[in-house]
C-alpha atoms as a PDB file:
ATOM      1  CA  MET A   1     -13.349  -2.872   0.069  1.00  0.00           C
ATOM      2  CA  SER A   2     -10.368  -0.744  -0.900  1.00  0.00           C
ATOM      3  CA  LEU A   3      -7.276  -0.776  -3.096  1.00  0.00           C
ATOM      4  CA  VAL A   4      -3.608  -0.071  -2.393  1.00  0.00           C
ATOM      5  CA  CYS A   5      -1.048   0.266  -5.195  1.00  0.00           C
ATOM      6  CA  PHE A   6       2.642  -0.297  -4.468  1.00  0.00           C
ATOM      7  CA  GLY A   7       5.601   0.737  -6.597  1.00  0.00           C
ATOM      8  CA  GLU A   8       7.023   3.684  -8.459  1.00  0.00           C
ATOM      9  CA  ALA A   9       5.766   7.240  -8.666  1.00  0.00           C
ATOM     10  CA  LEU A  10       7.695   9.506 -10.990  1.00  0.00           C
ATOM     11  CA  ILE A  11       7.534  12.607 -13.150  1.00  0.00           C
ATOM     12  CA  ASP A  12       6.576  12.262 -16.825  1.00  0.00           C
ATOM     13  CA  PHE A  13       7.988  15.115 -18.891  1.00  0.00           C
ATOM     14  CA  LEU A  14       5.711  15.072 -21.940  1.00  0.00           C
ATOM     15  CA  SER A  15       6.994  16.476 -25.225  1.00  0.00           C
ATOM     16  CA  ASP A  16       5.016  19.076 -27.165  1.00  0.00           C
ATOM     17  CA  GLY A  17       6.292  17.539 -30.415  1.00  0.00           C
ATOM     18  CA  LYS A  18       7.578  20.851 -31.732  1.00  0.00           C
ATOM     19  CA  THR A  19      10.990  22.127 -32.835  1.00  0.00           C
ATOM     20  CA  PRO A  20      12.604  23.263 -30.633  1.00  0.00           C
ATOM     21  CA  GLU A  21      11.074  20.703 -28.285  1.00  0.00           C
ATOM     22  CA  SER A  22       9.755  21.559 -24.839  1.00  0.00           C
ATOM     23  CA  PHE A  23       8.418  19.312 -22.079  1.00  0.00           C
ATOM     24  CA  THR A  24       5.643  19.703 -19.509  1.00  0.00           C
ATOM     25  CA  LYS A  25       5.780  17.861 -16.177  1.00  0.00           C
ATOM     26  CA  TYR A  26       3.020  15.467 -15.135  1.00  0.00           C
ATOM     27  CA  ALA A  27       2.870  13.186 -12.096  1.00  0.00           C
ATOM     28  CA  GLY A  28       2.950   9.549 -13.182  1.00  0.00           C
ATOM     29  CA  GLY A  29       4.280   6.050 -12.631  1.00  0.00           C
ATOM     30  CA  ALA A  30       2.103   3.031 -13.383  1.00  0.00           C
ATOM     31  CA  PRO A  31       1.033   2.069  -9.822  1.00  0.00           C
ATOM     32  CA  ALA A  32       0.405   5.725  -8.953  1.00  0.00           C
ATOM     33  CA  ASN A  33      -1.676   6.071 -12.120  1.00  0.00           C
ATOM     34  CA  VAL A  34      -3.771   3.032 -11.169  1.00  0.00           C
ATOM     35  CA  ALA A  35      -4.389   4.450  -7.691  1.00  0.00           C
ATOM     36  CA  VAL A  36      -5.613   7.726  -9.208  1.00  0.00           C
ATOM     37  CA  ALA A  37      -7.681   5.871 -11.826  1.00  0.00           C
ATOM     38  CA  ALA A  38      -9.464   3.910  -9.100  1.00  0.00           C
ATOM     39  CA  ALA A  39      -9.958   6.981  -6.889  1.00  0.00           C
ATOM     40  CA  ARG A  40     -11.413   8.863  -9.876  1.00  0.00           C
ATOM     41  CA  GLN A  41     -13.862   5.982 -10.181  1.00  0.00           C
ATOM     42  CA  GLY A  42     -15.084   6.707  -6.659  1.00  0.00           C
ATOM     43  CA  VAL A  43     -13.484   3.850  -4.710  1.00  0.00           C
ATOM     44  CA  ALA A  44     -11.109   4.109  -1.753  1.00  0.00           C
ATOM     45  CA  ALA A  45      -7.551   3.957  -3.107  1.00  0.00           C
ATOM     46  CA  SER A  46      -4.124   4.374  -1.487  1.00  0.00           C
ATOM     47  CA  PHE A  47      -0.629   4.633  -2.896  1.00  0.00           C
ATOM     48  CA  CYS A  48       2.395   3.111  -1.166  1.00  0.00           C
ATOM     49  CA  GLY A  49       5.938   3.964  -2.229  1.00  0.00           C
ATOM     50  CA  MET A  50       8.987   6.163  -1.816  1.00  0.00           C
ATOM     51  CA  VAL A  51       9.573   9.579  -3.393  1.00  0.00           C
ATOM     52  CA  GLY A  52      12.494  11.940  -3.080  1.00  0.00           C
ATOM     53  CA  ASP A  53      12.404  14.752  -0.553  1.00  0.00           C
ATOM     54  CA  ASP A  54      12.593  17.177  -3.461  1.00  0.00           C
ATOM     55  CA  MET A  55      10.328  19.436  -5.516  1.00  0.00           C
ATOM     56  CA  PHE A  56       9.216  16.550  -7.741  1.00  0.00           C
ATOM     57  CA  GLY A  57       8.440  14.223  -4.831  1.00  0.00           C
ATOM     58  CA  HIS A  58       6.390  16.948  -3.142  1.00  0.00           C
ATOM     59  CA  PHE A  59       4.577  17.624  -6.424  1.00  0.00           C
ATOM     60  CA  ILE A  60       3.664  13.937  -6.856  1.00  0.00           C
ATOM     61  CA  LYS A  61       2.248  13.677  -3.350  1.00  0.00           C
ATOM     62  CA  GLN A  62       0.205  16.847  -3.815  1.00  0.00           C
ATOM     63  CA  GLU A  63      -1.147  15.561  -7.141  1.00  0.00           C
ATOM     64  CA  LEU A  64      -2.084  12.187  -5.658  1.00  0.00           C
ATOM     65  CA  GLN A  65      -3.937  13.844  -2.806  1.00  0.00           C
ATOM     66  CA  SER A  66      -5.698  16.300  -5.120  1.00  0.00           C
ATOM     67  CA  HIS A  67      -7.136  13.327  -7.025  1.00  0.00           C
ATOM     68  CA  GLY A  68      -8.438  11.670  -3.858  1.00  0.00           C
ATOM     69  CA  VAL A  69      -5.663   9.132  -3.256  1.00  0.00           C
ATOM     70  CA  ASN A  70      -4.726   8.341   0.353  1.00  0.00           C
ATOM     71  CA  CYS A  71      -0.988   9.019   0.843  1.00  0.00           C
ATOM     72  CA  ASP A  72      -0.530   7.689   4.384  1.00  0.00           C
ATOM     73  CA  TYR A  73       1.887   5.060   3.014  1.00  0.00           C
ATOM     74  CA  VAL A  74       4.010   7.433   0.922  1.00  0.00           C
ATOM     75  CA  ASN A  75       7.512   7.841   2.373  1.00  0.00           C
ATOM     76  CA  SER A  76      10.137  10.443   1.467  1.00  0.00           C
ATOM     77  CA  THR A  77      13.918  10.089   1.409  1.00  0.00           C
ATOM     78  CA  ASP A  78      16.895  12.403   0.984  1.00  0.00           C
ATOM     79  CA  LYS A  79      19.081   9.484  -0.142  1.00  0.00           C
ATOM     80  CA  ALA A  80      17.956   9.677  -3.797  1.00  0.00           C
ATOM     81  CA  LYS A  81      15.950  11.893  -6.124  1.00  0.00           C
ATOM     82  CA  THR A  82      12.494  11.246  -7.554  1.00  0.00           C
ATOM     83  CA  ALA A  83      12.644   9.346 -10.854  1.00  0.00           C
ATOM     84  CA  LEU A  84      12.060  11.200 -14.140  1.00  0.00           C
ATOM     85  CA  ALA A  85      10.829   9.997 -17.530  1.00  0.00           C
ATOM     86  CA  PHE A  86      10.951  12.043 -20.724  1.00  0.00           C
ATOM     87  CA  VAL A  87       8.146  10.973 -23.069  1.00  0.00           C
ATOM     88  CA  SER A  88       7.947  11.668 -26.806  1.00  0.00           C
ATOM     89  CA  LEU A  89       4.835  10.883 -28.844  1.00  0.00           C
ATOM     90  CA  ASP A  90       4.493   9.883 -32.488  1.00  0.00           C
ATOM     91  CA  SER A  91       1.579  10.855 -34.758  1.00  0.00           C
ATOM     92  CA  ASN A  92      -0.552   8.009 -33.335  1.00  0.00           C
ATOM     93  CA  GLY A  93       0.065   9.006 -29.717  1.00  0.00           C
ATOM     94  CA  GLU A  94       2.433   6.071 -29.127  1.00  0.00           C
ATOM     95  CA  ARG A  95       5.204   6.702 -26.635  1.00  0.00           C
ATOM     96  CA  SER A  96       8.970   6.427 -26.464  1.00  0.00           C
ATOM     97  CA  PHE A  97      10.621   6.819 -23.072  1.00  0.00           C
ATOM     98  CA  SER A  98      13.936   8.071 -21.754  1.00  0.00           C
ATOM     99  CA  PHE A  99      14.213   7.251 -18.035  1.00  0.00           C
ATOM    100  CA  TYR A 100      16.377   8.836 -15.345  1.00  0.00           C
ATOM    101  CA  ARG A 101      16.271   5.808 -13.024  1.00  0.00           C
ATOM    102  CA  PRO A 102      18.290   4.251 -11.364  1.00  0.00           C
ATOM    103  CA  PRO A 103      19.229   5.701  -9.011  1.00  0.00           C
ATOM    104  CA  ALA A 104      15.829   6.830  -7.787  1.00  0.00           C
ATOM    105  CA  ALA A 105      13.938   7.165  -4.517  1.00  0.00           C
ATOM    106  CA  ASP A 106      11.277   4.549  -5.328  1.00  0.00           C
ATOM    107  CA  LEU A 107      13.953   1.826  -5.479  1.00  0.00           C
ATOM    108  CA  LEU A 108      14.895   2.459  -1.820  1.00  0.00           C
ATOM    109  CA  PHE A 109      11.589   1.267  -0.292  1.00  0.00           C
ATOM    110  CA  ARG A 110      12.255  -1.745   1.971  1.00  0.00           C
ATOM    111  CA  SER A 111      10.065  -4.319   3.711  1.00  0.00           C
ATOM    112  CA  ASP A 112      10.519  -2.552   7.063  1.00  0.00           C
ATOM    113  CA  ASP A 113       9.048   0.620   5.539  1.00  0.00           C
ATOM    114  CA  PHE A 114       5.582  -0.917   5.198  1.00  0.00           C
ATOM    115  CA  ASP A 115       2.977   0.106   7.751  1.00  0.00           C
ATOM    116  CA  PRO A 116       1.644  -3.296   8.950  1.00  0.00           C
ATOM    117  CA  SER A 117      -1.856  -1.834   9.233  1.00  0.00           C
ATOM    118  CA  MET A 118      -1.902  -1.427   5.439  1.00  0.00           C
ATOM    119  CA  PHE A 119      -2.389  -5.167   5.038  1.00  0.00           C
ATOM    120  CA  ASP A 120      -5.260  -5.191   7.537  1.00  0.00           C
ATOM    121  CA  THR A 121      -7.255  -2.310   6.094  1.00  0.00           C
ATOM    122  CA  HIS A 122      -7.237  -3.008   2.337  1.00  0.00           C
ATOM    123  CA  SER A 123      -8.797  -5.803   0.309  1.00  0.00           C
ATOM    124  CA  LEU A 124      -6.697  -5.634  -2.872  1.00  0.00           C
ATOM    125  CA  ILE A 125      -3.057  -4.810  -3.682  1.00  0.00           C
ATOM    126  CA  HIS A 126      -1.720  -3.972  -7.144  1.00  0.00           C
ATOM    127  CA  VAL A 127       1.908  -3.987  -8.374  1.00  0.00           C
ATOM    128  CA  CYS A 128       3.861  -3.740 -11.660  1.00  0.00           C
ATOM    129  CA  SER A 129       7.189  -5.121 -12.904  1.00  0.00           C
ATOM    130  CA  ASN A 130       9.035  -1.806 -12.548  1.00  0.00           C
ATOM    131  CA  SER A 131       9.428  -2.654  -8.861  1.00  0.00           C
ATOM    132  CA  LEU A 132      11.263  -5.876  -9.800  1.00  0.00           C
ATOM    133  CA  THR A 133      14.201  -4.318 -11.648  1.00  0.00           C
ATOM    134  CA  GLU A 134      16.716  -4.487  -8.785  1.00  0.00           C
ATOM    135  CA  THR A 135      17.211  -7.201  -6.157  1.00  0.00           C
ATOM    136  CA  ASN A 136      16.154  -5.245  -3.066  1.00  0.00           C
ATOM    137  CA  ILE A 137      13.010  -3.677  -4.519  1.00  0.00           C
ATOM    138  CA  TYR A 138      12.089  -7.083  -5.989  1.00  0.00           C
ATOM    139  CA  LYS A 139      12.344  -8.639  -2.518  1.00  0.00           C
ATOM    140  CA  THR A 140      10.231  -5.787  -1.127  1.00  0.00           C
ATOM    141  CA  THR A 141       7.524  -6.365  -3.746  1.00  0.00           C
ATOM    142  CA  VAL A 142       7.448 -10.106  -3.049  1.00  0.00           C
ATOM    143  CA  HIS A 143       7.187  -9.355   0.683  1.00  0.00           C
ATOM    144  CA  ALA A 144       4.208  -7.072   0.046  1.00  0.00           C
ATOM    145  CA  LEU A 145       2.364  -9.697  -2.016  1.00  0.00           C
ATOM    146  CA  THR A 146       3.169 -12.476   0.454  1.00  0.00           C
ATOM    147  CA  GLN A 147       1.940 -10.418   3.408  1.00  0.00           C
ATOM    148  CA  ALA A 148      -1.169  -9.413   1.491  1.00  0.00           C
ATOM    149  CA  ARG A 149      -2.090 -13.000   0.693  1.00  0.00           C
ATOM    150  CA  ALA A 150      -1.461 -14.035   4.299  1.00  0.00           C
ATOM    151  CA  GLN A 151      -3.954 -11.367   5.373  1.00  0.00           C
ATOM    152  CA  GLY A 152      -6.582 -12.532   2.885  1.00  0.00           C
ATOM    153  CA  MET A 153      -6.092  -9.714   0.376  1.00  0.00           C
ATOM    154  CA  ASN A 154      -6.482 -10.248  -3.367  1.00  0.00           C
ATOM    155  CA  THR A 155      -3.448  -9.499  -5.525  1.00  0.00           C
ATOM    156  CA  SER A 156      -3.122  -7.873  -8.960  1.00  0.00           C
ATOM    157  CA  PHE A 157      -0.123  -7.629 -11.321  1.00  0.00           C
ATOM    158  CA  ASP A 158       0.260  -5.591 -14.505  1.00  0.00           C
ATOM    159  CA  MET A 159       3.521  -6.617 -16.176  1.00  0.00           C
ATOM    160  CA  ASN A 160       3.977  -3.156 -17.777  1.00  0.00           C
ATOM    161  CA  LEU A 161       7.477  -4.106 -18.962  1.00  0.00           C
ATOM    162  CA  ARG A 162       9.988  -1.299 -19.598  1.00  0.00           C
ATOM    163  CA  GLU A 163      13.141  -3.096 -20.716  1.00  0.00           C
ATOM    164  CA  ASN A 164      15.285   0.052 -20.537  1.00  0.00           C
ATOM    165  CA  LEU A 165      14.703   0.166 -16.762  1.00  0.00           C
ATOM    166  CA  TRP A 166      16.487  -3.175 -16.344  1.00  0.00           C
ATOM    167  CA  THR A 167      20.281  -2.909 -16.052  1.00  0.00           C
ATOM    168  CA  SER A 168      20.337  -6.630 -16.880  1.00  0.00           C
ATOM    169  CA  MET A 169      17.600  -8.891 -18.247  1.00  0.00           C
ATOM    170  CA  THR A 170      19.191 -11.959 -16.627  1.00  0.00           C
ATOM    171  CA  HIS A 171      16.624 -12.275 -13.827  1.00  0.00           C
ATOM    172  CA  CYS A 172      13.707 -10.508 -15.524  1.00  0.00           C
ATOM    173  CA  SER A 173      11.506 -13.421 -16.583  1.00  0.00           C
ATOM    174  CA  LYS A 174      12.239 -15.417 -13.389  1.00  0.00           C
ATOM    175  CA  ARG A 175      11.111 -12.500 -11.213  1.00  0.00           C
ATOM    176  CA  ILE A 176       8.026 -11.881 -13.350  1.00  0.00           C
ATOM    177  CA  TRP A 177       7.021 -15.548 -13.093  1.00  0.00           C
ATOM    178  CA  HIS A 178       7.489 -15.392  -9.311  1.00  0.00           C
ATOM    179  CA  VAL A 179       5.129 -12.427  -9.049  1.00  0.00           C
ATOM    180  CA  ILE A 180       2.628 -14.091 -11.414  1.00  0.00           C
ATOM    181  CA  SER A 181       2.552 -17.052  -9.019  1.00  0.00           C
ATOM    182  CA  LEU A 182       1.559 -14.654  -6.218  1.00  0.00           C
ATOM    183  CA  SER A 183      -1.182 -12.889  -8.220  1.00  0.00           C
ATOM    184  CA  ASP A 184      -4.915 -13.503  -8.575  1.00  0.00           C
ATOM    185  CA  ILE A 185      -5.265 -11.068 -11.494  1.00  0.00           C
ATOM    186  CA  VAL A 186      -2.606 -10.699 -14.203  1.00  0.00           C
ATOM    187  CA  LYS A 187      -2.641  -8.239 -17.112  1.00  0.00           C
ATOM    188  CA  LEU A 188      -0.228  -8.431 -20.038  1.00  0.00           C
ATOM    189  CA  SER A 189      -0.051  -6.640 -23.341  1.00  0.00           C
ATOM    190  CA  HIS A 190       0.271  -8.808 -26.442  1.00  0.00           C
ATOM    191  CA  GLU A 191       3.912  -7.711 -26.736  1.00  0.00           C
ATOM    192  CA  GLU A 192       4.572  -8.772 -23.144  1.00  0.00           C
ATOM    193  CA  LEU A 193       3.021 -12.171 -23.808  1.00  0.00           C
ATOM    194  CA  VAL A 194       5.354 -12.556 -26.806  1.00  0.00           C
ATOM    195  CA  PHE A 195       8.322 -11.589 -24.589  1.00  0.00           C
ATOM    196  CA  LEU A 196       7.400 -14.098 -21.876  1.00  0.00           C
ATOM    197  CA  ASN A 197       6.812 -16.820 -24.434  1.00  0.00           C
ATOM    198  CA  GLU A 198      10.184 -16.232 -26.117  1.00  0.00           C
ATOM    199  CA  GLN A 199      11.940 -16.221 -22.739  1.00  0.00           C
ATOM    200  CA  SER A 200      10.177 -19.229 -21.223  1.00  0.00           C
ATOM    201  CA  HIS A 201       8.968 -21.376 -24.144  1.00  0.00           C
ATOM    202  CA  PRO A 202      11.179 -20.469 -27.129  1.00  0.00           C
ATOM    203  CA  GLY A 203       9.903 -21.878 -30.392  1.00  0.00           C
ATOM    204  CA  GLN A 204       6.615 -22.951 -28.816  1.00  0.00           C
ATOM    205  CA  PRO A 205       3.127 -21.493 -29.438  1.00  0.00           C
ATOM    206  CA  GLN A 206       1.895 -18.826 -27.044  1.00  0.00           C
ATOM    207  CA  SER A 207      -0.599 -21.308 -25.632  1.00  0.00           C
ATOM    208  CA  HIS A 208       2.263 -22.846 -23.637  1.00  0.00           C
ATOM    209  CA  THR A 209       2.788 -19.585 -21.778  1.00  0.00           C
ATOM    210  CA  LEU A 210      -0.962 -19.010 -21.349  1.00  0.00           C
ATOM    211  CA  ASP A 211      -1.321 -22.504 -19.871  1.00  0.00           C
ATOM    212  CA  ALA A 212       1.657 -21.946 -17.551  1.00  0.00           C
ATOM    213  CA  ILE A 213       0.162 -18.708 -16.225  1.00  0.00           C
ATOM    214  CA  MET A 214      -3.179 -20.354 -15.476  1.00  0.00           C
ATOM    215  CA  ALA A 215      -1.384 -23.334 -13.921  1.00  0.00           C
ATOM    216  CA  ALA A 216       0.164 -20.871 -11.452  1.00  0.00           C
ATOM    217  CA  ASN A 217      -3.377 -20.547 -10.006  1.00  0.00           C
ATOM    218  CA  VAL A 218      -4.045 -17.128 -11.544  1.00  0.00           C
ATOM    219  CA  LYS A 219      -7.797 -16.503 -11.362  1.00  0.00           C
ATOM    220  CA  LEU A 220      -7.991 -14.008 -14.245  1.00  0.00           C
ATOM    221  CA  LEU A 221      -5.520 -13.371 -17.069  1.00  0.00           C
ATOM    222  CA  ILE A 222      -6.109 -10.412 -19.396  1.00  0.00           C
ATOM    223  CA  ILE A 223      -4.255  -9.775 -22.665  1.00  0.00           C
ATOM    224  CA  THR A 224      -4.633  -6.306 -24.209  1.00  0.00           C
ATOM    225  CA  ASP A 225      -3.584  -5.555 -27.783  1.00  0.00           C
ATOM    226  CA  GLY A 226      -4.115  -1.895 -28.657  1.00  0.00           C
ATOM    227  CA  LYS A 227      -7.209  -1.519 -30.818  1.00  0.00           C
ATOM    228  CA  GLN A 228      -7.664  -5.286 -31.074  1.00  0.00           C
ATOM    229  CA  ALA A 229     -10.066  -7.199 -28.819  1.00  0.00           C
ATOM    230  CA  VAL A 230      -9.085  -7.810 -25.207  1.00  0.00           C
ATOM    231  CA  ARG A 231      -8.674 -11.541 -24.530  1.00  0.00           C
ATOM    232  CA  PHE A 232      -9.394 -12.931 -21.083  1.00  0.00           C
ATOM    233  CA  TYR A 233      -8.965 -16.307 -19.404  1.00  0.00           C
ATOM    234  CA  GLY A 234     -10.380 -17.682 -16.171  1.00  0.00           C
ATOM    235  CA  GLN A 235      -9.941 -21.104 -14.653  1.00  0.00           C
ATOM    236  CA  THR A 236     -13.171 -22.337 -16.319  1.00  0.00           C
ATOM    237  CA  TYR A 237     -13.797 -19.853 -19.153  1.00  0.00           C
ATOM    238  CA  GLN A 238     -12.290 -17.555 -21.760  1.00  0.00           C
ATOM    239  CA  GLY A 239     -13.547 -14.809 -24.034  1.00  0.00           C
ATOM    240  CA  GLU A 240     -12.960 -11.554 -25.897  1.00  0.00           C
ATOM    241  CA  VAL A 241     -14.150  -7.977 -25.465  1.00  0.00           C
ATOM    242  CA  GLN A 242     -14.098  -5.482 -28.329  1.00  0.00           C
ATOM    243  CA  VAL A 243     -12.566  -2.103 -27.480  1.00  0.00           C
ATOM    244  CA  PRO A 244     -14.077   1.291 -28.394  1.00  0.00           C
ATOM    245  CA  ASP A 245     -12.820   2.903 -31.597  1.00  0.00           C
ATOM    246  CA  VAL A 246     -11.266   6.276 -30.691  1.00  0.00           C
ATOM    247  CA  THR A 247      -8.521   8.531 -32.047  1.00  0.00           C
ATOM    248  CA  ALA A 248      -5.525   8.375 -29.705  1.00  0.00           C
ATOM    249  CA  VAL A 249      -3.459  11.457 -28.920  1.00  0.00           C
ATOM    250  CA  ASP A 250      -1.479  10.083 -25.943  1.00  0.00           C
ATOM    251  CA  THR A 251      -1.402   6.426 -24.849  1.00  0.00           C
ATOM    252  CA  THR A 252       0.692   7.139 -21.729  1.00  0.00           C
ATOM    253  CA  ALA A 253      -1.882   6.037 -19.129  1.00  0.00           C
ATOM    254  CA  ALA A 254      -4.183   3.851 -21.243  1.00  0.00           C
ATOM    255  CA  GLY A 255      -3.234   0.574 -19.565  1.00  0.00           C
ATOM    256  CA  ASP A 256      -3.372   2.120 -16.112  1.00  0.00           C
ATOM    257  CA  ALA A 257      -6.811   3.605 -16.810  1.00  0.00           C
ATOM    258  CA  PHE A 258      -7.910   0.132 -17.902  1.00  0.00           C
ATOM    259  CA  VAL A 259      -6.540  -1.544 -14.769  1.00  0.00           C
ATOM    260  CA  GLY A 260      -7.905   1.155 -12.458  1.00  0.00           C
ATOM    261  CA  GLY A 261     -11.355   0.872 -14.043  1.00  0.00           C
ATOM    262  CA  LEU A 262     -11.249  -2.921 -13.802  1.00  0.00           C
ATOM    263  CA  LEU A 263     -10.196  -3.044 -10.148  1.00  0.00           C
ATOM    264  CA  ALA A 264     -12.652  -0.282  -9.228  1.00  0.00           C
ATOM    265  CA  THR A 265     -15.459  -2.326 -10.790  1.00  0.00           C
ATOM    266  CA  PHE A 266     -14.509  -5.313  -8.661  1.00  0.00           C
ATOM    267  CA  ILE A 267     -14.263  -3.197  -5.499  1.00  0.00           C
ATOM    268  CA  ARG A 268     -17.640  -1.513  -6.109  1.00  0.00           C
ATOM    269  CA  SER A 269     -19.370  -4.898  -6.180  1.00  0.00           C
ATOM    270  CA  ASP A 270     -20.983  -6.254  -3.047  1.00  0.00           C
ATOM    271  CA  LEU A 271     -19.541  -9.690  -3.869  1.00  0.00           C
ATOM    272  CA  PRO A 272     -16.129 -11.043  -2.814  1.00  0.00           C
ATOM    273  CA  ILE A 273     -13.579 -10.643  -5.612  1.00  0.00           C
ATOM    274  CA  TYR A 274     -12.967 -14.411  -5.813  1.00  0.00           C
ATOM    275  CA  THR A 275     -16.692 -14.868  -6.491  1.00  0.00           C
ATOM    276  CA  ILE A 276     -16.616 -12.281  -9.281  1.00  0.00           C
ATOM    277  CA  LEU A 277     -13.520 -13.832 -10.867  1.00  0.00           C
ATOM    278  CA  ALA A 278     -15.274 -17.201 -11.052  1.00  0.00           C
ATOM    279  CA  ASP A 279     -18.171 -15.771 -13.102  1.00  0.00           C
ATOM    280  CA  ARG A 280     -17.508 -15.197 -16.820  1.00  0.00           C
ATOM    281  CA  ASP A 281     -20.357 -12.728 -17.339  1.00  0.00           C
ATOM    282  CA  SER A 282     -19.258 -10.540 -14.420  1.00  0.00           C
ATOM    283  CA  VAL A 283     -15.685 -10.525 -15.706  1.00  0.00           C
ATOM    284  CA  TYR A 284     -16.861  -9.691 -19.252  1.00  0.00           C
ATOM    285  CA  ARG A 285     -18.812  -6.666 -17.994  1.00  0.00           C
ATOM    286  CA  ALA A 286     -15.877  -5.472 -15.881  1.00  0.00           C
ATOM    287  CA  ILE A 287     -13.457  -5.711 -18.830  1.00  0.00           C
ATOM    288  CA  GLU A 288     -15.949  -3.950 -21.113  1.00  0.00           C
ATOM    289  CA  TYR A 289     -16.122  -1.082 -18.615  1.00  0.00           C
ATOM    290  CA  ALA A 290     -12.331  -1.041 -18.183  1.00  0.00           C
ATOM    291  CA  SER A 291     -11.894  -0.844 -21.960  1.00  0.00           C
ATOM    292  CA  ARG A 292     -14.011   2.293 -22.035  1.00  0.00           C
ATOM    293  CA  CYS A 293     -11.789   3.786 -19.311  1.00  0.00           C
ATOM    294  CA  GLY A 294      -8.691   3.030 -21.370  1.00  0.00           C
ATOM    295  CA  ALA A 295     -10.280   4.469 -24.527  1.00  0.00           C
ATOM    296  CA  PHE A 296     -11.192   7.670 -22.673  1.00  0.00           C
ATOM    297  CA  ALA A 297      -7.615   8.110 -21.408  1.00  0.00           C
ATOM    298  CA  VAL A 298      -5.946   7.954 -24.831  1.00  0.00           C
ATOM    299  CA  THR A 299      -7.985  10.930 -26.058  1.00  0.00           C
ATOM    300  CA  ARG A 300      -6.304  13.230 -23.517  1.00  0.00           C
ATOM    301  CA  TYR A 301      -2.734  14.231 -22.676  1.00  0.00           C
ATOM    302  CA  GLY A 302      -0.839  13.333 -19.517  1.00  0.00           C
ATOM    303  CA  ALA A 303      -1.363  10.603 -16.953  1.00  0.00           C
ATOM    304  CA  PHE A 304      -3.421  11.684 -13.911  1.00  0.00           C
ATOM    305  CA  ASP A 305      -5.314  14.340 -15.879  1.00  0.00           C
ATOM    306  CA  SER A 306      -6.386  11.864 -18.580  1.00  0.00           C
ATOM    307  CA  LEU A 307      -7.964   9.346 -16.197  1.00  0.00           C
ATOM    308  CA  PRO A 308     -11.782   9.232 -16.320  1.00  0.00           C
ATOM    309  CA  SER A 309     -14.208   9.644 -13.456  1.00  0.00           C
ATOM    310  CA  TYR A 310     -17.126   7.288 -12.935  1.00  0.00           C
ATOM    311  CA  LYS A 311     -19.378  10.005 -14.352  1.00  0.00           C
ATOM    312  CA  ASP A 312     -17.215  10.299 -17.480  1.00  0.00           C
ATOM    313  CA  ILE A 313     -17.760   6.624 -18.298  1.00  0.00           C
ATOM    314  CA  ALA A 314     -21.274   6.034 -16.968  1.00  0.00           C
END
């Protein structure tokens, strides 16, 4: 089995926190991070997306390949530049972002740009909400998930909401709910659950939103909450997993390390993913492992460079 991640790849310029401030470039973007996280775990992982035909786009592709990610589905364009994100950290390693997107190359990927063989040769596809921010890239993401399901692939969605990437929030929750309905595995942070609940069930307890997600035929819903326990919900079970206690220096890729570790655990198994998702104990062990991957990542700076190998965790 193998994984393909679709969406944005960009450059994170990470602050050194000093005065005067300087920034160091790192390859990043949530789906690209997940692809690297899975590859670092020793599973076959590909990235699919569009980068600019510029120094930053070339750098991202080189970095992906150096970490073992297949880049056969990475396209380049001269119609827009690679997206940039300037990242400042507080004393707890928490981030604040300033994005230079749109316009950006990743938003120009269209349904016709997909290599049809991608849907035949992978078993799992992963996406995030940053490829829902504009109408055309939203339609492209829905096309990818629809094609994947038609070919028998499993589907994964990490909401990973960045409100400042949306020029308008008018269609945000509707598009997110559409993608949830096309996903077998859904990961939200606690803050994202609060957002969805306020948008979709204002004044109601969060259980209304949790029930609505599971009613969309999601097989596994995961709610992360920083240092608090990870909550998880299947169609016939629920539970919690405690997270390791570590000192964070940079939380930039923590969620992506978690997702990459989780999906890699599923892919490494000899069992079909649907079978794993139906078994509470198997899911508990996978989330416990993924939590260790996330904890490892926050103790290091950057995105790709902070992601653990299988040896690091085992």
